[in-house]
Amino acid sequence: LVDTVERALLSLSTAAVGERKAILEAVLRELHTLKGNAGMMGLSEL
């Protein structure tokens, strides 16, 4: 998930404006999943 988020964020600078919305939505989905997984593992600070 972290690799996917990093690649997506790095791609923003060269992406067309029309593609950026989809990239940002994908980043939010991946971060949300990672946040939920951390919570299920009891990693509250993370």
All heavy atoms as atom14 arrays in JSON, in Angstrom:
{
  "sequence": "LVDTVERALLSLSTAAVGERKAILEAVLRELHTLKGNAGMMGLSEL",
  "atom14_mask": [
    [1, 1, 1, 1, 1, 1, 1, 1, 0, 0, 0, 0, 0, 0],
    [1, 1, 1, 1, 1, 1, 1, 0, 0, 0, 0, 0, 0, 0],
    [1, 1, 1, 1, 1, 1, 1, 1, 0, 0, 0, 0, 0, 0],
    [1, 1, 1, 1, 1, 1, 1, 0, 0, 0, 0, 0, 0, 0],
    [1, 1, 1, 1, 1, 1, 1, 0, 0, 0, 0, 0, 0, 0],
    [1, 1, 1, 1, 1, 1, 1, 1, 1, 0, 0, 0, 0, 0],
    [1, 1, 1, 1, 1, 1, 1, 1, 1, 1, 1, 0, 0, 0],
    [1, 1, 1, 1, 1, 0, 0, 0, 0, 0, 0, 0, 0, 0],
    [1, 1, 1, 1, 1, 1, 1, 1, 0, 0, 0, 0, 0, 0],
    [1, 1, 1, 1, 1, 1, 1, 1, 0, 0, 0, 0, 0, 0],
    [1, 1, 1, 1, 1, 1, 0, 0, 0, 0, 0, 0, 0, 0],
    [1, 1, 1, 1, 1, 1, 1, 1, 0, 0, 0, 0, 0, 0],
    [1, 1, 1, 1, 1, 1, 0, 0, 0, 0, 0, 0, 0, 0],
    [1, 1, 1, 1, 1, 1, 1, 0, 0, 0, 0, 0, 0, 0],
    [1, 1, 1, 1, 1, 0, 0, 0, 0, 0, 0, 0, 0, 0],
    [1, 1, 1, 1, 1, 0, 0, 0, 0, 0, 0, 0, 0, 0],
    [1, 1, 1, 1, 1, 1, 1, 0, 0, 0, 0, 0, 0, 0],
    [1, 1, 1, 1, 0, 0, 0, 0, 0, 0, 0, 0, 0, 0],
    [1, 1, 1, 1, 1, 1, 1, 1, 1, 0, 0, 0, 0, 0],
    [1, 1, 1, 1, 1, 1, 1, 1, 1, 1, 1, 0, 0, 0],
    [1, 1, 1, 1, 1, 1, 1, 1, 1, 0, 0, 0, 0, 0],
    [1, 1, 1, 1, 1, 0, 0, 0, 0, 0, 0, 0, 0, 0],
    [1, 1, 1, 1, 1, 1, 1, 1, 0, 0, 0, 0, 0, 0],
    [1, 1, 1, 1, 1, 1, 1, 1, 0, 0, 0, 0, 0, 0],
    [1, 1, 1, 1, 1, 1, 1, 1, 1, 0, 0, 0, 0, 0],
    [1, 1, 1, 1, 1, 0, 0, 0, 0, 0, 0, 0, 0, 0],
    [1, 1, 1, 1, 1, 1, 1, 0, 0, 0, 0, 0, 0, 0],
    [1, 1, 1, 1, 1, 1, 1, 1, 0, 0, 0, 0, 0, 0],
    [1, 1, 1, 1, 1, 1, 1, 1, 1, 1, 1, 0, 0, 0],
    [1, 1, 1, 1, 1, 1, 1, 1, 1, 0, 0, 0, 0, 0],
    [1, 1, 1, 1, 1, 1, 1, 1, 0, 0, 0, 0, 0, 0],
    [1, 1, 1, 1, 1, 1, 1, 1, 1, 1, 0, 0, 0, 0],
    [1, 1, 1, 1, 1, 1, 1, 0, 0, 0, 0, 0, 0, 0],
    [1, 1, 1, 1, 1, 1, 1, 1, 0, 0, 0, 0, 0, 0],
    [1, 1, 1, 1, 1, 1, 1, 1, 1, 0, 0, 0, 0, 0],
    [1, 1, 1, 1, 0, 0, 0, 0, 0, 0, 0, 0, 0, 0],
    [1, 1, 1, 1, 1, 1, 1, 1, 0, 0, 0, 0, 0, 0],
    [1, 1, 1, 1, 1, 0, 0, 0, 0, 0, 0, 0, 0, 0],
    [1, 1, 1, 1, 0, 0, 0, 0, 0, 0, 0, 0, 0, 0],
    [1, 1, 1, 1, 1, 1, 1, 1, 0, 0, 0, 0, 0, 0],
    [1, 1, 1, 1, 1, 1, 1, 1, 0, 0, 0, 0, 0, 0],
    [1, 1, 1, 1, 0, 0, 0, 0, 0, 0, 0, 0, 0, 0],
    [1, 1, 1, 1, 1, 1, 1, 1, 0, 0, 0, 0, 0, 0],
    [1, 1, 1, 1, 1, 1, 0, 0, 0, 0, 0, 0, 0, 0],
    [1, 1, 1, 1, 1, 1, 1, 1, 1, 0, 0, 0, 0, 0],
    [1, 1, 1, 1, 1, 1, 1, 1, 0, 0, 0, 0, 0, 0]
  ],
  "atom14_positions": [
    [[0.83, -1.21, 0.0], [0.0, 0.0, 0.0], [0.86, 1.25, 0.0], [0.58, 2.21, -0.73], [-0.94, -0.01, 1.2], [-2.05, -1.06, 1.18], [-2.74, -1.16, 2.53], [-3.06, -0.76, 0.08], [0.0, 0.0, 0.0], [0.0, 0.0, 0.0], [0.0, 0.0, 0.0], [0.0, 0.0, 0.0], [0.0, 0.0, 0.0], [0.0, 0.0, 0.0]],
    [[1.92, 1.26, 0.81], [2.81, 2.41, 0.86], [3.49, 2.62, -0.49], [3.59, 3.76, -0.97], [3.85, 2.26, 1.99], [4.95, 3.29, 1.88], [3.17, 2.35, 3.35], [0.0, 0.0, 0.0], [0.0, 0.0, 0.0], [0.0, 0.0, 0.0], [0.0, 0.0, 0.0], [0.0, 0.0, 0.0], [0.0, 0.0, 0.0], [0.0, 0.0, 0.0]],
    [[3.93, 1.55, -1.12], [4.54, 1.66, -2.45], [3.56, 2.25, -3.46], [3.92, 3.11, -4.27], [5.02, 0.3, -2.94], [6.26, -0.2, -2.23], [6.93, 0.61, -1.53], [6.57, -1.4, -2.35], [0.0, 0.0, 0.0], [0.0, 0.0, 0.0], [0.0, 0.0, 0.0], [0.0, 0.0, 0.0], [0.0, 0.0, 0.0], [0.0, 0.0, 0.0]],
    [[2.32, 1.78, -3.41], [1.3, 2.28, -4.33], [1.04, 3.76, -4.11], [0.95, 4.54, -5.06], [-0.01, 1.48, -4.16], [0.25, 0.1, -4.45], [-1.1, 1.98, -5.08], [0.0, 0.0, 0.0], [0.0, 0.0, 0.0], [0.0, 0.0, 0.0], [0.0, 0.0, 0.0], [0.0, 0.0, 0.0], [0.0, 0.0, 0.0], [0.0, 0.0, 0.0]],
    [[0.92, 4.16, -2.84], [0.69, 5.57, -2.51], [1.86, 6.42, -2.98], [1.67, 7.48, -3.6], [0.44, 5.76, -1.0], [0.49, 7.23, -0.6], [-0.9, 5.15, -0.6], [0.0, 0.0, 0.0], [0.0, 0.0, 0.0], [0.0, 0.0, 0.0], [0.0, 0.0, 0.0], [0.0, 0.0, 0.0], [0.0, 0.0, 0.0], [0.0, 0.0, 0.0]],
    [[3.08, 5.97, -2.73], [4.25, 6.74, -3.13], [4.31, 6.92, -4.64], [4.53, 8.03, -5.14], [5.52, 6.06, -2.63], [6.78, 6.85, -2.98], [8.04, 6.19, -2.49], [8.11, 4.93, -2.45], [8.97, 6.93, -2.15], [0.0, 0.0, 0.0], [0.0, 0.0, 0.0], [0.0, 0.0, 0.0], [0.0, 0.0, 0.0], [0.0, 0.0, 0.0]],
    [[4.09, 5.84, -5.38], [4.11, 5.93, -6.85], [3.03, 6.89, -7.34], [3.27, 7.69, -8.25], [3.93, 4.56, -7.48], [5.18, 3.72, -7.51], [5.03, 2.49, -8.41], [3.88, 1.67, -8.11], [3.85, 0.71, -7.17], [4.92, 0.47, -6.45], [2.76, 0.01, -6.97], [0.0, 0.0, 0.0], [0.0, 0.0, 0.0], [0.0, 0.0, 0.0]],
    [[1.86, 6.81, -6.75], [0.76, 7.68, -7.17], [1.09, 9.15, -6.88], [0.88, 10.01, -7.74], [-0.53, 7.27, -6.46], [0.0, 0.0, 0.0], [0.0, 0.0, 0.0], [0.0, 0.0, 0.0], [0.0, 0.0, 0.0], [0.0, 0.0, 0.0], [0.0, 0.0, 0.0], [0.0, 0.0, 0.0], [0.0, 0.0, 0.0], [0.0, 0.0, 0.0]],
    [[1.61, 9.42, -5.7], [1.94, 10.81, -5.36], [3.05, 11.35, -6.26], [3.0, 12.51, -6.68], [2.34, 10.92, -3.89], [1.22, 10.7, -2.87], [1.78, 10.7, -1.45], [0.13, 11.77, -3.02], [0.0, 0.0, 0.0], [0.0, 0.0, 0.0], [0.0, 0.0, 0.0], [0.0, 0.0, 0.0], [0.0, 0.0, 0.0], [0.0, 0.0, 0.0]],
    [[4.02, 10.51, -6.56], [5.1, 10.95, -7.45], [4.59, 11.21, -8.87], [5.15, 12.04, -9.58], [6.22, 9.9, -7.47], [7.05, 9.82, -6.2], [7.97, 8.6, -6.25], [7.85, 11.09, -5.97], [0.0, 0.0, 0.0], [0.0, 0.0, 0.0], [0.0, 0.0, 0.0], [0.0, 0.0, 0.0], [0.0, 0.0, 0.0], [0.0, 0.0, 0.0]],
    [[3.55, 10.52, -9.26], [3.02, 10.69, -10.62], [2.18, 11.96, -10.77], [1.92, 12.39, -11.9], [2.18, 9.48, -11.02], [0.92, 9.49, -10.36], [0.0, 0.0, 0.0], [0.0, 0.0, 0.0], [0.0, 0.0, 0.0], [0.0, 0.0, 0.0], [0.0, 0.0, 0.0], [0.0, 0.0, 0.0], [0.0, 0.0, 0.0], [0.0, 0.0, 0.0]],
    [[1.79, 12.59, -9.67], [0.94, 13.77, -9.75], [1.58, 14.91, -10.54], [0.91, 15.61, -11.29], [0.58, 14.28, -8.35], [-0.53, 13.57, -7.62], [-0.68, 14.12, -6.23], [-1.84, 13.69, -8.38], [0.0, 0.0, 0.0], [0.0, 0.0, 0.0], [0.0, 0.0, 0.0], [0.0, 0.0, 0.0], [0.0, 0.0, 0.0], [0.0, 0.0, 0.0]],
    [[2.87, 15.1, -10.35], [3.52, 16.25, -10.98], [3.53, 16.17, -12.5], [3.59, 17.2, -13.18], [4.94, 16.41, -10.45], [5.72, 15.28, -10.79], [0.0, 0.0, 0.0], [0.0, 0.0, 0.0], [0.0, 0.0, 0.0], [0.0, 0.0, 0.0], [0.0, 0.0, 0.0], [0.0, 0.0, 0.0], [0.0, 0.0, 0.0], [0.0, 0.0, 0.0]],
    [[3.47, 14.98, -13.05], [3.5, 14.84, -14.51], [2.14, 14.44, -15.1], [2.0, 14.37, -16.31], [4.55, 13.79, -14.93], [4.25, 12.54, -14.31], [5.94, 14.25, -14.54], [0.0, 0.0, 0.0], [0.0, 0.0, 0.0], [0.0, 0.0, 0.0], [0.0, 0.0, 0.0], [0.0, 0.0, 0.0], [0.0, 0.0, 0.0], [0.0, 0.0, 0.0]],
    [[1.17, 14.2, -14.24], [-0.15, 13.77, -14.71], [-0.95, 14.97, -15.23], [-0.81, 16.09, -14.73], [-0.92, 13.09, -13.59], [0.0, 0.0, 0.0], [0.0, 0.0, 0.0], [0.0, 0.0, 0.0], [0.0, 0.0, 0.0], [0.0, 0.0, 0.0], [0.0, 0.0, 0.0], [0.0, 0.0, 0.0], [0.0, 0.0, 0.0], [0.0, 0.0, 0.0]],
    [[-1.77, 14.7, -16.21], [-2.69, 15.73, -16.7], [-3.69, 16.05, -15.6], [-4.0, 15.2, -14.76], [-3.41, 15.21, -17.94], [0.0, 0.0, 0.0], [0.0, 0.0, 0.0], [0.0, 0.0, 0.0], [0.0, 0.0, 0.0], [0.0, 0.0, 0.0], [0.0, 0.0, 0.0], [0.0, 0.0, 0.0], [0.0, 0.0, 0.0], [0.0, 0.0, 0.0]],
    [[-4.18, 17.27, -15.61], [-5.11, 17.7, -14.57], [-6.29, 16.75, -14.47], [-6.74, 16.4, -13.38], [-5.58, 19.15, -14.82], [-6.66, 19.55, -13.84], [-4.41, 20.12, -14.72], [0.0, 0.0, 0.0], [0.0, 0.0, 0.0], [0.0, 0.0, 0.0], [0.0, 0.0, 0.0], [0.0, 0.0, 0.0], [0.0, 0.0, 0.0], [0.0, 0.0, 0.0]],
    [[-6.78, 16.27, -15.59], [-7.92, 15.35, -15.6], [-7.63, 14.02, -14.92], [-8.53, 13.38, -14.39], [0.0, 0.0, 0.0], [0.0, 0.0, 0.0], [0.0, 0.0, 0.0], [0.0, 0.0, 0.0], [0.0, 0.0, 0.0], [0.0, 0.0, 0.0], [0.0, 0.0, 0.0], [0.0, 0.0, 0.0], [0.0, 0.0, 0.0], [0.0, 0.0, 0.0]],
    [[-6.38, 13.6, -14.92], [-5.99, 12.34, -14.28], [-5.74, 12.5, -12.79], [-5.8, 11.52, -12.04], [-4.71, 11.8, -14.92], [-4.84, 11.45, -16.38], [-3.49, 11.12, -17.0], [-2.47, 11.7, -16.58], [-3.47, 10.27, -17.91], [0.0, 0.0, 0.0], [0.0, 0.0, 0.0], [0.0, 0.0, 0.0], [0.0, 0.0, 0.0], [0.0, 0.0, 0.0]],
    [[-5.45, 13.69, -12.37], [-5.07, 13.92, -10.97], [-6.18, 13.58, -9.97], [-5.9, 13.08, -8.9], [-4.62, 15.36, -10.77], [-3.3, 15.65, -11.43], [-2.9, 17.07, -11.21], [-1.71, 17.38, -12.0], [-1.27, 18.58, -12.2], [-1.9, 19.62, -11.68], [-0.19, 18.78, -12.93], [0.0, 0.0, 0.0], [0.0, 0.0, 0.0], [0.0, 0.0, 0.0]],
    [[-7.42, 13.85, -10.34], [-8.53, 13.54, -9.44], [-8.58, 12.04, -9.15], [-8.71, 11.62, -8.0], [-9.86, 14.02, -10.02], [-11.03, 13.76, -9.09], [-12.33, 14.28, -9.65], [-13.44, 13.96, -8.69], [-14.75, 14.31, -9.2], [0.0, 0.0, 0.0], [0.0, 0.0, 0.0], [0.0, 0.0, 0.0], [0.0, 0.0, 0.0], [0.0, 0.0, 0.0]],
    [[-8.46, 11.23, -10.19], [-8.48, 9.78, -10.01], [-7.28, 9.31, -9.19], [-7.4, 8.4, -8.35], [-8.5, 9.07, -11.36], [0.0, 0.0, 0.0], [0.0, 0.0, 0.0], [0.0, 0.0, 0.0], [0.0, 0.0, 0.0], [0.0, 0.0, 0.0], [0.0, 0.0, 0.0], [0.0, 0.0, 0.0], [0.0, 0.0, 0.0], [0.0, 0.0, 0.0]],
    [[-6.12, 9.92, -9.42], [-4.93, 9.55, -8.66], [-5.13, 9.89, -7.18], [-4.83, 9.07, -6.3], [-3.68, 10.28, -9.22], [-3.34, 9.74, -10.6], [-2.5, 10.15, -8.26], [-2.29, 10.56, -11.34], [0.0, 0.0, 0.0], [0.0, 0.0, 0.0], [0.0, 0.0, 0.0], [0.0, 0.0, 0.0], [0.0, 0.0, 0.0], [0.0, 0.0, 0.0]],
    [[-5.65, 11.07, -6.9], [-5.87, 11.47, -5.51], [-6.91, 10.58, -4.83], [-6.76, 10.22, -3.66], [-6.28, 12.93, -5.43], [-5.18, 13.93, -5.78], [-5.74, 15.34, -5.89], [-4.05, 13.87, -4.76], [0.0, 0.0, 0.0], [0.0, 0.0, 0.0], [0.0, 0.0, 0.0], [0.0, 0.0, 0.0], [0.0, 0.0, 0.0], [0.0, 0.0, 0.0]],
    [[-7.94, 10.19, -5.56], [-8.94, 9.28, -5.0], [-8.32, 7.93, -4.67], [-8.63, 7.33, -3.64], [-10.12, 9.12, -5.97], [-10.99, 10.35, -6.05], [-12.04, 10.29, -7.15], [-12.01, 9.36, -7.98], [-12.89, 11.2, -7.18], [0.0, 0.0, 0.0], [0.0, 0.0, 0.0], [0.0, 0.0, 0.0], [0.0, 0.0, 0.0], [0.0, 0.0, 0.0]],
    [[-7.44, 7.45, -5.54], [-6.76, 6.17, -5.3], [-5.86, 6.28, -4.07], [-5.81, 5.36, -3.25], [-5.95, 5.75, -6.52], [0.0, 0.0, 0.0], [0.0, 0.0, 0.0], [0.0, 0.0, 0.0], [0.0, 0.0, 0.0], [0.0, 0.0, 0.0], [0.0, 0.0, 0.0], [0.0, 0.0, 0.0], [0.0, 0.0, 0.0], [0.0, 0.0, 0.0]],
    [[-5.15, 7.39, -3.93], [-4.3, 7.61, -2.75], [-5.13, 7.56, -1.48], [-4.76, 6.9, -0.5], [-3.54, 8.95, -2.87], [-2.95, 9.38, -1.54], [-2.46, 8.85, -3.93], [0.0, 0.0, 0.0], [0.0, 0.0, 0.0], [0.0, 0.0, 0.0], [0.0, 0.0, 0.0], [0.0, 0.0, 0.0], [0.0, 0.0, 0.0], [0.0, 0.0, 0.0]],
    [[-6.26, 8.24, -1.5], [-7.13, 8.25, -0.31], [-7.65, 6.86, 0.02], [-7.72, 6.48, 1.2], [-8.28, 9.24, -0.5], [-7.88, 10.71, -0.49], [-9.07, 11.59, -0.88], [-7.34, 11.11, 0.87], [0.0, 0.0, 0.0], [0.0, 0.0, 0.0], [0.0, 0.0, 0.0], [0.0, 0.0, 0.0], [0.0, 0.0, 0.0], [0.0, 0.0, 0.0]],
    [[-8.01, 6.09, -0.98], [-8.48, 4.71, -0.74], [-7.39, 3.87, -0.1], [-7.63, 3.14, 0.86], [-8.93, 4.05, -2.05], [-10.33, 4.37, -2.46], [-10.83, 3.45, -3.58], [-9.93, 3.37, -4.71], [-9.9, 4.23, -5.73], [-10.75, 5.23, -5.75], [-9.05, 4.08, -6.72], [0.0, 0.0, 0.0], [0.0, 0.0, 0.0], [0.0, 0.0, 0.0]],
    [[-6.18, 3.96, -0.64], [-5.07, 3.15, -0.11], [-4.73, 3.57, 1.32], [-4.5, 2.72, 2.19], [-3.84, 3.28, -1.01], [-4.06, 2.86, -2.45], [-4.35, 1.38, -2.63], [-4.13, 0.58, -1.71], [-4.8, 1.02, -3.72], [0.0, 0.0, 0.0], [0.0, 0.0, 0.0], [0.0, 0.0, 0.0], [0.0, 0.0, 0.0], [0.0, 0.0, 0.0]],
    [[-4.69, 4.88, 1.58], [-4.4, 5.35, 2.94], [-5.49, 4.92, 3.91], [-5.21, 4.56, 5.05], [-4.24, 6.88, 2.95], [-2.98, 7.42, 2.3], [-3.04, 8.95, 2.24], [-1.73, 6.95, 3.04], [0.0, 0.0, 0.0], [0.0, 0.0, 0.0], [0.0, 0.0, 0.0], [0.0, 0.0, 0.0], [0.0, 0.0, 0.0], [0.0, 0.0, 0.0]],
    [[-6.74, 4.98, 3.45], [-7.86, 4.57, 4.31], [-7.76, 3.09, 4.66], [-7.99, 2.7, 5.81], [-9.18, 4.89, 3.6], [-10.37, 4.69, 4.46], [-10.74, 5.59, 5.43], [-11.27, 3.7, 4.49], [-11.83, 5.15, 6.04], [-12.17, 4.0, 5.49], [0.0, 0.0, 0.0], [0.0, 0.0, 0.0], [0.0, 0.0, 0.0], [0.0, 0.0, 0.0]],
    [[-7.41, 2.28, 3.67], [-7.24, 0.84, 3.91], [-6.11, 0.59, 4.9], [-6.26, -0.18, 5.85], [-6.96, 0.1, 2.59], [-8.08, 0.27, 1.72], [-6.7, -1.37, 2.82], [0.0, 0.0, 0.0], [0.0, 0.0, 0.0], [0.0, 0.0, 0.0], [0.0, 0.0, 0.0], [0.0, 0.0, 0.0], [0.0, 0.0, 0.0], [0.0, 0.0, 0.0]],
    [[-5.0, 1.26, 4.7], [-3.85, 1.09, 5.59], [-4.19, 1.55, 7.0], [-3.84, 0.88, 7.98], [-2.65, 1.86, 5.03], [-1.33, 1.71, 5.77], [-0.94, 0.24, 5.93], [-0.24, 2.47, 5.03], [0.0, 0.0, 0.0], [0.0, 0.0, 0.0], [0.0, 0.0, 0.0], [0.0, 0.0, 0.0], [0.0, 0.0, 0.0], [0.0, 0.0, 0.0]],
    [[-4.91, 2.65, 7.11], [-5.33, 3.16, 8.43], [-6.23, 2.15, 9.13], [-6.05, 1.85, 10.31], [-6.06, 4.49, 8.26], [-6.55, 5.11, 9.56], [-7.32, 6.39, 9.3], [-8.65, 6.09, 8.67], [-9.51, 7.27, 8.51], [0.0, 0.0, 0.0], [0.0, 0.0, 0.0], [0.0, 0.0, 0.0], [0.0, 0.0, 0.0], [0.0, 0.0, 0.0]],
    [[-7.17, 1.59, 8.41], [-8.07, 0.59, 8.99], [-7.33, -0.67, 9.41], [-7.59, -1.22, 10.48], [0.0, 0.0, 0.0], [0.0, 0.0, 0.0], [0.0, 0.0, 0.0], [0.0, 0.0, 0.0], [0.0, 0.0, 0.0], [0.0, 0.0, 0.0], [0.0, 0.0, 0.0], [0.0, 0.0, 0.0], [0.0, 0.0, 0.0], [0.0, 0.0, 0.0]],
    [[-6.4, -1.11, 8.58], [-5.61, -2.3, 8.91], [-4.77, -2.05, 10.15], [-4.65, -2.94, 11.01], [-4.73, -2.7, 7.74], [-5.51, -3.24, 6.56], [-6.72, -3.44, 6.63], [-4.83, -3.46, 5.45], [0.0, 0.0, 0.0], [0.0, 0.0, 0.0], [0.0, 0.0, 0.0], [0.0, 0.0, 0.0], [0.0, 0.0, 0.0], [0.0, 0.0, 0.0]],
    [[-4.17, -0.86, 10.25], [-3.37, -0.53, 11.44], [-4.25, -0.56, 12.69], [-3.84, -1.06, 13.74], [-2.71, 0.84, 11.27], [0.0, 0.0, 0.0], [0.0, 0.0, 0.0], [0.0, 0.0, 0.0], [0.0, 0.0, 0.0], [0.0, 0.0, 0.0], [0.0, 0.0, 0.0], [0.0, 0.0, 0.0], [0.0, 0.0, 0.0], [0.0, 0.0, 0.0]],
    [[-5.46, -0.06, 12.56], [-6.39, -0.09, 13.69], [-6.75, -1.5, 14.11], [-6.79, -1.82, 15.3], [0.0, 0.0, 0.0], [0.0, 0.0, 0.0], [0.0, 0.0, 0.0], [0.0, 0.0, 0.0], [0.0, 0.0, 0.0], [0.0, 0.0, 0.0], [0.0, 0.0, 0.0], [0.0, 0.0, 0.0], [0.0, 0.0, 0.0], [0.0, 0.0, 0.0]],
    [[-6.99, -2.37, 13.12], [-7.32, -3.75, 13.44], [-6.16, -4.47, 14.12], [-6.37, -5.39, 14.91], [-7.74, -4.51, 12.18], [-9.11, -4.13, 11.7], [-9.74, -5.22, 10.4], [-8.54, -5.01, 9.11], [0.0, 0.0, 0.0], [0.0, 0.0, 0.0], [0.0, 0.0, 0.0], [0.0, 0.0, 0.0], [0.0, 0.0, 0.0], [0.0, 0.0, 0.0]],
    [[-4.94, -4.03, 13.83], [-3.76, -4.65, 14.44], [-3.43, -4.03, 15.8], [-2.49, -4.44, 16.45], [-2.55, -4.52, 13.51], [-2.68, -5.29, 12.22], [-2.94, -7.06, 12.44], [-1.44, -7.54, 13.25], [0.0, 0.0, 0.0], [0.0, 0.0, 0.0], [0.0, 0.0, 0.0], [0.0, 0.0, 0.0], [0.0, 0.0, 0.0], [0.0, 0.0, 0.0]],
    [[-4.21, -3.04, 16.21], [-3.98, -2.39, 17.49], [-2.85, -1.39, 17.47], [-2.33, -1.01, 18.52], [0.0, 0.0, 0.0], [0.0, 0.0, 0.0], [0.0, 0.0, 0.0], [0.0, 0.0, 0.0], [0.0, 0.0, 0.0], [0.0, 0.0, 0.0], [0.0, 0.0, 0.0], [0.0, 0.0, 0.0], [0.0, 0.0, 0.0], [0.0, 0.0, 0.0]],
    [[-2.47, -0.94, 16.31], [-1.38, 0.02, 16.16], [-1.97, 1.44, 16.12], [-2.0, 2.12, 15.1], [-0.58, -0.28, 14.89], [-0.01, -1.69, 14.81], [0.56, -1.98, 13.44], [1.04, -1.89, 15.89], [0.0, 0.0, 0.0], [0.0, 0.0, 0.0], [0.0, 0.0, 0.0], [0.0, 0.0, 0.0], [0.0, 0.0, 0.0], [0.0, 0.0, 0.0]],
    [[-2.43, 1.89, 17.28], [-3.19, 3.14, 17.35], [-2.37, 4.37, 16.97], [-2.89, 5.29, 16.35], [-3.82, 3.32, 18.72], [-2.83, 3.33, 19.72], [0.0, 0.0, 0.0], [0.0, 0.0, 0.0], [0.0, 0.0, 0.0], [0.0, 0.0, 0.0], [0.0, 0.0, 0.0], [0.0, 0.0, 0.0], [0.0, 0.0, 0.0], [0.0, 0.0, 0.0]],
    [[-1.09, 4.41, 17.33], [-0.27, 5.58, 16.96], [-0.1, 5.65, 15.45], [-0.23, 6.72, 14.84], [1.09, 5.54, 17.64], [1.89, 6.81, 17.39], [3.18, 6.85, 18.17], [3.3, 6.2, 19.23], [4.09, 7.56, 17.71], [0.0, 0.0, 0.0], [0.0, 0.0, 0.0], [0.0, 0.0, 0.0], [0.0, 0.0, 0.0], [0.0, 0.0, 0.0]],
    [[0.15, 4.52, 14.81], [0.26, 4.48, 13.35], [-1.08, 4.87, 12.73], [-1.13, 5.63, 11.76], [0.68, 3.09, 12.88], [0.78, 2.89, 11.37], [1.76, 3.87, 10.73], [1.16, 1.45, 11.05], [0.0, 0.0, 0.0], [0.0, 0.0, 0.0], [0.0, 0.0, 0.0], [0.0, 0.0, 0.0], [0.0, 0.0, 0.0], [0.0, 0.0, 0.0]]
  ]
}
